[in-house]
Structures are given as structure tokens and as C-alpha cells.
């Protein structure tokens, strides 16, 4: 879902960075504490998202849009052939580019995390996953912010 403003994009990127860092840092904990920490991070992130007016508004708009699609009668007369399909090439290119960037960022981030974790473990750090999570937070924030800003500029499919 695209952000509505730059402030919202920064907030979503910060939220994603905090959630991912907490998830990574929890690897050093025993299983019971790890499950508790990860569950708490997910619940806190969800509550934070629902507490924002943009989050509630976006959910309502999505639900309203989905409901209106199901309620619209089929206005085209029945044809014997397949239905006409048109696609905006600019929108398709923007979506493909955004998807490629998201996949590339995710794979690159994971490779960097593995590299950092291996180095921290090799150097004998007492809590390598926590240190890696601290290092990864700014990278995750920057990558997510880039994706959010690009998604803000993808043209909407709605006819306003």
C-alpha cells in the first residue's frame, strides 16, 4: 500500500526498520523469550499502524473499493469472444520496477546481514545478532524509505 505523504513514508520506513531490527535482535534470546519478543514487536507494530489516521483511512478506502467492485453490475453486453483487456504501459512499468527494486533490496539486505553476522561471529562478539540488528536498522530504513517513495509516485488506477 502506498504512503499518502512523505511523513507517512518516513513513519512506515521507521516502523519497518524497528520491527525488523527487533526480529533480528531476538535471535540471541532463548526460544520462549524470542517468541515473546517477536510477538510483542509484531503487536506493537500493528497497533502503531492502526493508531495512525492514515492507516485507518487506507483500510477503509480499500474495503470500500473492494465492496464497490463486487456491487457494480456488469454494464457490458455479453460477447462471444474473450473480454477486452487494456493495460496502461506506464503503470505496468512502474509496478514492475517497484517490484524489481523491492526484491533486489530484500536480497541485498539479506546478503549484507549474513556477511555482518559472519564477521561478528568470527571476531567473537558476545551478541552478534544484536550487533547485526543495530547495523542493519539504518540500511533497512533507507531501503524501505526508497520503496515507499517510489510507490507514492506510481500512478493510481482509480479514475478521480
N, C-alpha and C. Protein backbone atom coordinates (compact mmCIF):
# COMPACT_ATOMS: atom_id res chain seq x y z
N UNK A 1 0.85 -1.16 0.00
CA UNK A 1 0.00 0.00 0.00
C UNK A 1 0.90 1.23 0.00
N UNK A 2 0.63 2.19 -0.83
CA UNK A 2 1.45 3.38 -0.97
C UNK A 2 1.15 4.38 0.14
N UNK A 3 2.17 5.12 0.51
CA UNK A 3 2.01 6.17 1.51
C UNK A 3 1.33 7.37 0.87
N UNK A 4 0.70 8.17 1.69
CA UNK A 4 0.00 9.34 1.19
C UNK A 4 0.86 10.60 1.26
N UNK A 5 1.87 10.63 2.11
CA UNK A 5 2.73 11.79 2.25
C UNK A 5 4.14 11.33 2.58
N UNK A 6 5.08 12.26 2.51
CA UNK A 6 6.45 11.91 2.84
C UNK A 6 6.57 11.57 4.33
N UNK A 7 5.85 12.27 5.17
CA UNK A 7 5.89 11.97 6.60
C UNK A 7 5.38 10.56 6.87
N UNK A 8 4.33 10.17 6.17
CA UNK A 8 3.80 8.81 6.32
C UNK A 8 4.81 7.79 5.81
N UNK A 9 5.49 8.09 4.71
CA UNK A 9 6.50 7.19 4.16
C UNK A 9 7.66 7.01 5.14
N UNK A 10 8.10 8.10 5.76
CA UNK A 10 9.18 8.03 6.75
C UNK A 10 8.72 7.23 7.95
N UNK A 11 7.50 7.44 8.39
CA UNK A 11 6.96 6.69 9.53
C UNK A 11 6.88 5.21 9.25
N UNK A 12 6.42 4.86 8.05
CA UNK A 12 6.32 3.43 7.69
C UNK A 12 7.71 2.81 7.59
N UNK A 13 8.66 3.55 7.04
CA UNK A 13 10.03 3.03 6.93
C UNK A 13 10.65 2.85 8.32
N UNK A 14 10.42 3.80 9.20
CA UNK A 14 10.95 3.68 10.57
C UNK A 14 10.30 2.52 11.31
N UNK A 15 9.01 2.36 11.12
CA UNK A 15 8.31 1.24 11.74
C UNK A 15 8.84 -0.10 11.23
N UNK A 16 9.05 -0.20 9.93
CA UNK A 16 9.59 -1.44 9.35
C UNK A 16 11.00 -1.71 9.85
N UNK A 17 11.82 -0.66 9.95
CA UNK A 17 13.19 -0.83 10.43
C UNK A 17 13.19 -1.28 11.89
N UNK A 18 12.33 -0.70 12.71
CA UNK A 18 12.26 -1.09 14.12
C UNK A 18 11.78 -2.54 14.27
N UNK A 19 10.75 -2.90 13.52
CA UNK A 19 10.22 -4.26 13.61
C UNK A 19 11.27 -5.29 13.14
N UNK A 20 11.91 -5.03 12.03
CA UNK A 20 12.90 -5.96 11.50
C UNK A 20 14.11 -6.05 12.43
N UNK A 21 14.55 -4.94 12.98
CA UNK A 21 15.69 -4.95 13.90
C UNK A 21 15.36 -5.72 15.17
N UNK A 22 14.16 -5.53 15.69
CA UNK A 22 13.75 -6.28 16.88
C UNK A 22 13.68 -7.77 16.57
N UNK A 23 13.19 -8.10 15.39
CA UNK A 23 13.11 -9.50 14.97
C UNK A 23 14.50 -10.13 14.90
N UNK A 24 15.45 -9.39 14.30
CA UNK A 24 16.81 -9.90 14.17
C UNK A 24 17.52 -9.99 15.52
N UNK A 25 17.33 -9.00 16.36
CA UNK A 25 18.00 -8.99 17.66
C UNK A 25 17.49 -10.11 18.56
N UNK A 26 16.27 -10.55 18.36
CA UNK A 26 15.69 -11.59 19.20
C UNK A 26 16.33 -12.96 18.95
N UNK A 27 17.12 -13.10 17.91
CA UNK A 27 17.77 -14.39 17.63
C UNK A 27 18.69 -14.84 18.75
N UNK A 28 19.25 -13.88 19.51
CA UNK A 28 20.16 -14.22 20.60
C UNK A 28 19.44 -14.73 21.85
N UNK A 29 18.13 -14.59 21.90
CA UNK A 29 17.37 -14.97 23.10
C UNK A 29 17.01 -16.45 23.09
N UNK A 30 16.74 -16.99 24.28
CA UNK A 30 16.22 -18.36 24.34
C UNK A 30 14.85 -18.43 23.66
N UNK A 31 14.42 -19.61 23.22
CA UNK A 31 13.20 -19.73 22.43
C UNK A 31 11.96 -19.06 23.03
N UNK A 32 11.68 -19.27 24.30
CA UNK A 32 10.47 -18.69 24.89
C UNK A 32 10.52 -17.16 24.87
N UNK A 33 11.66 -16.61 25.25
CA UNK A 33 11.80 -15.15 25.24
C UNK A 33 11.81 -14.61 23.81
N UNK A 34 12.39 -15.37 22.89
CA UNK A 34 12.41 -14.95 21.49
C UNK A 34 11.00 -14.85 20.93
N UNK A 35 10.16 -15.86 21.19
CA UNK A 35 8.77 -15.84 20.73
C UNK A 35 8.01 -14.67 21.34
N UNK A 36 8.24 -14.43 22.62
CA UNK A 36 7.57 -13.33 23.30
C UNK A 36 8.01 -11.97 22.72
N UNK A 37 9.31 -11.82 22.51
CA UNK A 37 9.83 -10.55 21.97
C UNK A 37 9.31 -10.31 20.56
N UNK A 38 9.33 -11.34 19.73
CA UNK A 38 8.86 -11.18 18.36
C UNK A 38 7.36 -10.93 18.31
N UNK A 39 6.60 -11.61 19.14
CA UNK A 39 5.15 -11.38 19.18
C UNK A 39 4.85 -9.96 19.64
N UNK A 40 5.56 -9.50 20.65
CA UNK A 40 5.37 -8.14 21.14
C UNK A 40 5.71 -7.10 20.09
N UNK A 41 6.77 -7.34 19.32
CA UNK A 41 7.15 -6.39 18.27
C UNK A 41 6.09 -6.34 17.18
N UNK A 42 5.55 -7.48 16.81
CA UNK A 42 4.52 -7.52 15.77
C UNK A 42 3.25 -6.83 16.26
N UNK A 43 2.84 -7.10 17.50
CA UNK A 43 1.63 -6.48 18.05
C UNK A 43 1.82 -4.97 18.16
N UNK A 44 2.99 -4.54 18.64
CA UNK A 44 3.25 -3.10 18.77
C UNK A 44 3.24 -2.42 17.41
N UNK A 45 3.82 -3.07 16.41
CA UNK A 45 3.82 -2.51 15.06
C UNK A 45 2.40 -2.41 14.51
N UNK A 46 1.60 -3.45 14.72
CA UNK A 46 0.22 -3.43 14.25
C UNK A 46 -0.62 -2.38 14.94
N UNK A 47 -0.44 -2.25 16.24
CA UNK A 47 -1.18 -1.23 16.98
C UNK A 47 -0.75 0.17 16.56
N UNK A 48 0.54 0.34 16.33
CA UNK A 48 1.03 1.64 15.88
C UNK A 48 0.45 2.01 14.52
N UNK A 49 0.34 1.03 13.65
CA UNK A 49 -0.22 1.28 12.32
C UNK A 49 -1.70 1.61 12.41
N UNK A 50 -2.42 0.86 13.22
CA UNK A 50 -3.86 1.11 13.35
C UNK A 50 -4.16 2.43 14.06
N UNK A 51 -3.23 2.89 14.89
CA UNK A 51 -3.45 4.14 15.62
C UNK A 51 -3.30 5.36 14.73
N UNK A 52 -2.65 5.23 13.58
CA UNK A 52 -2.47 6.38 12.70
C UNK A 52 -3.73 6.60 11.87
N UNK A 53 -4.11 7.86 11.69
CA UNK A 53 -5.29 8.13 10.87
C UNK A 53 -5.13 7.63 9.44
N UNK A 54 -3.92 7.69 8.87
CA UNK A 54 -3.71 7.22 7.51
C UNK A 54 -3.95 5.73 7.40
N UNK A 55 -3.53 4.98 8.42
CA UNK A 55 -3.73 3.54 8.40
C UNK A 55 -5.20 3.17 8.41
N UNK A 56 -5.97 3.81 9.29
CA UNK A 56 -7.40 3.53 9.35
C UNK A 56 -8.08 3.98 8.07
N UNK A 57 -7.73 5.13 7.58
CA UNK A 57 -8.35 5.65 6.37
C UNK A 57 -8.03 4.76 5.18
N UNK A 58 -6.79 4.33 5.06
CA UNK A 58 -6.41 3.48 3.94
C UNK A 58 -7.17 2.16 3.98
N UNK A 59 -7.29 1.59 5.17
CA UNK A 59 -8.02 0.32 5.30
C UNK A 59 -9.47 0.52 4.90
N UNK A 60 -10.08 1.60 5.35
CA UNK A 60 -11.48 1.87 5.00
C UNK A 60 -11.65 2.06 3.50
N UNK A 61 -10.71 2.79 2.89
CA UNK A 61 -10.80 3.01 1.45
C UNK A 61 -10.63 1.72 0.67
N UNK A 62 -9.72 0.89 1.11
CA UNK A 62 -9.52 -0.39 0.42
C UNK A 62 -10.77 -1.24 0.53
N UNK A 63 -11.33 -1.30 1.72
CA UNK A 63 -12.54 -2.10 1.93
C UNK A 63 -13.70 -1.55 1.09
N UNK A 64 -13.84 -0.23 1.08
CA UNK A 64 -14.90 0.41 0.31
C UNK A 64 -14.72 0.13 -1.19
N UNK A 65 -13.48 0.21 -1.66
CA UNK A 65 -13.19 -0.05 -3.06
C UNK A 65 -13.50 -1.50 -3.43
N UNK A 66 -13.10 -2.43 -2.56
CA UNK A 66 -13.39 -3.84 -2.82
C UNK A 66 -14.88 -4.11 -2.83
N UNK A 67 -15.61 -3.51 -1.90
CA UNK A 67 -17.05 -3.72 -1.84
C UNK A 67 -17.74 -3.12 -3.06
N UNK A 68 -17.28 -1.96 -3.51
CA UNK A 68 -17.92 -1.33 -4.67
C UNK A 68 -17.67 -2.14 -5.95
N UNK A 69 -16.54 -2.82 -6.03
CA UNK A 69 -16.26 -3.65 -7.21
C UNK A 69 -17.23 -4.84 -7.28
N UNK A 70 -17.59 -5.38 -6.14
CA UNK A 70 -18.50 -6.52 -6.13
C UNK A 70 -19.94 -6.11 -6.36
N UNK A 71 -20.26 -4.86 -6.06
CA UNK A 71 -21.64 -4.41 -6.19
C UNK A 71 -21.96 -3.85 -7.57
N UNK A 72 -20.93 -3.55 -8.37
CA UNK A 72 -21.17 -2.95 -9.68
C UNK A 72 -21.73 -3.99 -10.64
N UNK A 73 -22.83 -3.67 -11.28
CA UNK A 73 -23.36 -4.62 -12.27
C UNK A 73 -22.49 -4.63 -13.51
N UNK A 74 -22.51 -5.70 -14.23
CA UNK A 74 -21.76 -5.81 -15.47
C UNK A 74 -22.49 -5.00 -16.53
N UNK A 75 -21.89 -3.88 -16.94
CA UNK A 75 -22.56 -2.96 -17.86
C UNK A 75 -22.33 -3.32 -19.32
N UNK A 76 -21.38 -4.20 -19.60
CA UNK A 76 -21.12 -4.54 -20.99
C UNK A 76 -22.04 -5.67 -21.43
N UNK A 77 -22.51 -5.59 -22.65
CA UNK A 77 -23.33 -6.71 -23.14
C UNK A 77 -22.47 -7.95 -23.32
N UNK A 78 -23.09 -9.08 -23.21
CA UNK A 78 -22.35 -10.34 -23.33
C UNK A 78 -21.81 -10.49 -24.75
N UNK A 79 -20.54 -10.92 -24.85
CA UNK A 79 -19.89 -11.12 -26.13
C UNK A 79 -19.53 -12.59 -26.25
N UNK A 80 -19.37 -13.00 -27.50
CA UNK A 80 -18.99 -14.39 -27.72
C UNK A 80 -17.48 -14.58 -27.50
N UNK A 81 -16.69 -13.56 -27.74
CA UNK A 81 -15.23 -13.66 -27.63
C UNK A 81 -14.75 -13.36 -26.22
N UNK A 82 -13.44 -13.39 -26.05
CA UNK A 82 -12.87 -13.07 -24.72
C UNK A 82 -13.06 -11.58 -24.42
N UNK A 83 -13.10 -11.21 -23.14
CA UNK A 83 -13.28 -9.80 -22.78
C UNK A 83 -12.06 -8.97 -23.19
N UNK A 84 -12.31 -7.71 -23.47
CA UNK A 84 -11.22 -6.81 -23.83
C UNK A 84 -10.36 -6.55 -22.60
N UNK A 85 -9.05 -6.51 -22.83
CA UNK A 85 -8.12 -6.26 -21.74
C UNK A 85 -7.18 -5.15 -22.18
N UNK A 86 -7.17 -4.07 -21.42
CA UNK A 86 -6.24 -2.98 -21.70
C UNK A 86 -5.40 -2.74 -20.46
N UNK A 87 -4.15 -2.37 -20.70
CA UNK A 87 -3.25 -2.11 -19.58
C UNK A 87 -2.43 -0.87 -19.89
N UNK A 88 -2.33 -0.01 -18.91
CA UNK A 88 -1.51 1.18 -19.04
C UNK A 88 -0.04 0.75 -18.94
N UNK A 89 0.72 0.97 -20.00
CA UNK A 89 2.10 0.51 -20.03
C UNK A 89 2.97 1.24 -19.02
N UNK A 90 2.71 2.52 -18.80
CA UNK A 90 3.48 3.27 -17.81
C UNK A 90 3.27 2.74 -16.41
N UNK A 91 2.03 2.44 -16.08
CA UNK A 91 1.72 1.89 -14.76
C UNK A 91 2.33 0.51 -14.61
N UNK A 92 2.25 -0.32 -15.64
CA UNK A 92 2.83 -1.66 -15.58
C UNK A 92 4.34 -1.58 -15.40
N UNK A 93 4.99 -0.65 -16.09
CA UNK A 93 6.42 -0.48 -15.95
C UNK A 93 6.79 -0.01 -14.55
N UNK A 94 6.01 0.91 -14.01
CA UNK A 94 6.27 1.41 -12.66
C UNK A 94 6.11 0.29 -11.63
N UNK A 95 5.09 -0.52 -11.79
CA UNK A 95 4.87 -1.64 -10.86
C UNK A 95 6.00 -2.65 -10.99
N UNK A 96 6.40 -2.98 -12.21
CA UNK A 96 7.49 -3.94 -12.42
C UNK A 96 8.80 -3.40 -11.83
N UNK A 97 9.06 -2.12 -12.02
CA UNK A 97 10.26 -1.51 -11.47
C UNK A 97 10.25 -1.52 -9.95
N UNK A 98 9.10 -1.21 -9.38
CA UNK A 98 8.98 -1.22 -7.93
C UNK A 98 9.16 -2.63 -7.38
N UNK A 99 8.59 -3.61 -8.06
CA UNK A 99 8.73 -5.00 -7.63
C UNK A 99 10.19 -5.45 -7.73
N UNK A 100 10.85 -5.10 -8.83
CA UNK A 100 12.26 -5.47 -9.00
C UNK A 100 13.13 -4.80 -7.93
N UNK A 101 12.85 -3.54 -7.62
CA UNK A 101 13.60 -2.84 -6.58
C UNK A 101 13.38 -3.49 -5.22
N UNK A 102 12.14 -3.85 -4.92
CA UNK A 102 11.84 -4.48 -3.65
C UNK A 102 12.56 -5.81 -3.50
N UNK A 103 12.54 -6.62 -4.55
CA UNK A 103 13.22 -7.92 -4.50
C UNK A 103 14.73 -7.72 -4.39
N UNK A 104 15.27 -6.80 -5.16
CA UNK A 104 16.70 -6.54 -5.10
C UNK A 104 17.15 -6.03 -3.75
N UNK A 105 16.37 -5.13 -3.17
CA UNK A 105 16.71 -4.59 -1.86
C UNK A 105 16.65 -5.70 -0.81
N UNK A 106 15.64 -6.53 -0.87
CA UNK A 106 15.49 -7.61 0.10
C UNK A 106 16.64 -8.60 0.00
N UNK A 107 16.99 -9.02 -1.21
CA UNK A 107 18.09 -9.96 -1.38
C UNK A 107 19.43 -9.34 -0.98
N UNK A 108 19.65 -8.09 -1.35
CA UNK A 108 20.88 -7.41 -0.98
C UNK A 108 21.01 -7.21 0.51
N UNK A 109 19.90 -6.85 1.15
CA UNK A 109 19.91 -6.65 2.60
C UNK A 109 20.22 -7.97 3.31
N UNK A 110 19.63 -9.05 2.84
CA UNK A 110 19.88 -10.36 3.48
C UNK A 110 21.33 -10.79 3.30
N UNK A 111 21.90 -10.54 2.13
CA UNK A 111 23.30 -10.89 1.90
C UNK A 111 24.22 -10.07 2.80
N UNK A 112 23.92 -8.78 2.94
CA UNK A 112 24.71 -7.92 3.82
C UNK A 112 24.60 -8.38 5.27
N UNK A 113 23.39 -8.76 5.70
CA UNK A 113 23.20 -9.24 7.07
C UNK A 113 24.02 -10.51 7.32
N UNK A 114 24.02 -11.43 6.36
CA UNK A 114 24.80 -12.66 6.52
C UNK A 114 26.29 -12.34 6.63
N UNK A 115 26.75 -11.40 5.83
CA UNK A 115 28.16 -11.00 5.86
C UNK A 115 28.52 -10.41 7.22
N UNK A 116 27.69 -9.48 7.71
CA UNK A 116 27.94 -8.86 9.00
C UNK A 116 27.90 -9.89 10.13
N UNK A 117 26.93 -10.78 10.09
CA UNK A 117 26.80 -11.79 11.14
C UNK A 117 28.01 -12.72 11.15
N UNK A 118 28.47 -13.13 9.98
CA UNK A 118 29.65 -13.99 9.90
C UNK A 118 30.87 -13.28 10.46
N UNK A 119 31.03 -12.01 10.13
CA UNK A 119 32.19 -11.27 10.62
C UNK A 119 32.12 -11.07 12.14
N UNK A 120 30.94 -10.72 12.65
CA UNK A 120 30.80 -10.53 14.10
C UNK A 120 31.03 -11.84 14.86
N UNK A 121 30.54 -12.94 14.31
CA UNK A 121 30.73 -14.24 14.94
C UNK A 121 32.21 -14.63 14.91
N UNK A 122 32.85 -14.41 13.77
CA UNK A 122 34.27 -14.74 13.63
C UNK A 122 35.14 -13.92 14.58
N UNK A 123 34.75 -12.66 14.80
CA UNK A 123 35.52 -11.79 15.69
C UNK A 123 35.21 -12.03 17.16
N UNK A 124 34.26 -12.93 17.45
CA UNK A 124 33.97 -13.30 18.83
C UNK A 124 33.08 -12.32 19.57
N UNK A 125 32.19 -11.63 18.87
CA UNK A 125 31.28 -10.69 19.54
C UNK A 125 30.35 -11.46 20.47
N UNK A 126 30.10 -10.94 21.69
CA UNK A 126 29.25 -11.68 22.63
C UNK A 126 27.79 -11.82 22.19
N UNK A 127 27.29 -10.85 21.45
CA UNK A 127 25.89 -10.88 20.96
C UNK A 127 25.88 -10.47 19.49
N UNK A 128 26.28 -11.36 18.60
CA UNK A 128 26.42 -10.97 17.19
C UNK A 128 25.09 -10.58 16.54
N UNK A 129 23.99 -11.23 16.90
CA UNK A 129 22.71 -10.90 16.27
C UNK A 129 22.22 -9.52 16.69
N UNK A 130 22.44 -9.15 17.92
CA UNK A 130 22.04 -7.81 18.38
C UNK A 130 22.86 -6.74 17.67
N UNK A 131 24.16 -6.97 17.56
CA UNK A 131 25.02 -6.00 16.88
C UNK A 131 24.65 -5.90 15.40
N UNK A 132 24.34 -7.03 14.80
CA UNK A 132 23.93 -7.02 13.40
C UNK A 132 22.61 -6.27 13.22
N UNK A 133 21.69 -6.43 14.17
CA UNK A 133 20.42 -5.73 14.09
C UNK A 133 20.61 -4.21 14.18
N UNK A 134 21.55 -3.78 15.02
CA UNK A 134 21.83 -2.35 15.14
C UNK A 134 22.45 -1.83 13.84
N UNK A 135 23.32 -2.60 13.23
CA UNK A 135 23.92 -2.19 11.96
C UNK A 135 22.89 -2.19 10.83
N UNK A 136 21.98 -3.14 10.87
CA UNK A 136 21.02 -3.29 9.78
C UNK A 136 19.91 -2.24 9.82
N UNK A 137 19.61 -1.69 10.98
CA UNK A 137 18.48 -0.76 11.10
C UNK A 137 18.55 0.42 10.12
N UNK A 138 19.68 1.15 10.02
CA UNK A 138 19.71 2.25 9.04
C UNK A 138 19.59 1.79 7.59
N UNK A 139 20.15 0.62 7.29
CA UNK A 139 20.06 0.10 5.93
C UNK A 139 18.61 -0.25 5.60
N UNK A 140 17.93 -0.90 6.54
CA UNK A 140 16.53 -1.26 6.35
C UNK A 140 15.68 -0.01 6.19
N UNK A 141 15.95 1.00 7.02
CA UNK A 141 15.19 2.26 6.95
C UNK A 141 15.37 2.90 5.58
N UNK A 142 16.60 3.01 5.11
CA UNK A 142 16.86 3.67 3.82
C UNK A 142 16.22 2.90 2.67
N UNK A 143 16.34 1.58 2.70
CA UNK A 143 15.77 0.77 1.62
C UNK A 143 14.25 0.87 1.62
N UNK A 144 13.64 0.77 2.78
CA UNK A 144 12.18 0.84 2.87
C UNK A 144 11.68 2.23 2.49
N UNK A 145 12.42 3.27 2.87
CA UNK A 145 12.02 4.63 2.50
C UNK A 145 12.06 4.80 0.99
N UNK A 146 13.08 4.26 0.34
CA UNK A 146 13.16 4.34 -1.12
C UNK A 146 11.98 3.65 -1.77
N UNK A 147 11.64 2.47 -1.28
CA UNK A 147 10.50 1.73 -1.83
C UNK A 147 9.20 2.50 -1.60
N UNK A 148 9.02 3.05 -0.40
CA UNK A 148 7.80 3.81 -0.09
C UNK A 148 7.66 5.04 -0.99
N UNK A 149 8.76 5.76 -1.21
CA UNK A 149 8.70 6.97 -2.04
C UNK A 149 8.42 6.61 -3.49
N UNK A 150 9.02 5.54 -3.97
CA UNK A 150 8.73 5.11 -5.34
C UNK A 150 7.27 4.72 -5.47
N UNK A 151 6.76 3.97 -4.50
CA UNK A 151 5.35 3.57 -4.53
C UNK A 151 4.39 4.75 -4.44
N UNK A 152 4.83 5.84 -3.81
CA UNK A 152 4.00 7.04 -3.75
C UNK A 152 3.77 7.62 -5.14
N UNK A 153 4.74 7.44 -6.01
CA UNK A 153 4.69 8.07 -7.32
C UNK A 153 4.18 7.16 -8.43
N UNK A 154 3.76 5.96 -8.08
CA UNK A 154 3.13 5.09 -9.07
C UNK A 154 1.73 5.63 -9.30
N UNK A 155 1.36 5.85 -10.54
CA UNK A 155 0.03 6.39 -10.79
C UNK A 155 -1.06 5.45 -10.27
N UNK A 156 -2.09 6.06 -9.75
CA UNK A 156 -3.21 5.30 -9.20
C UNK A 156 -4.08 4.76 -10.32
N UNK A 157 -4.70 3.61 -10.06
CA UNK A 157 -5.60 3.02 -11.05
C UNK A 157 -7.00 3.61 -10.95
N UNK A 158 -7.25 4.37 -9.87
CA UNK A 158 -8.58 4.95 -9.70
C UNK A 158 -8.79 6.10 -10.67
N UNK A 159 -9.97 6.23 -11.14
CA UNK A 159 -10.32 7.34 -12.02
C UNK A 159 -10.92 8.45 -11.16
N UNK A 160 -10.10 9.45 -10.76
CA UNK A 160 -10.58 10.54 -9.88
C UNK A 160 -11.24 11.63 -10.65
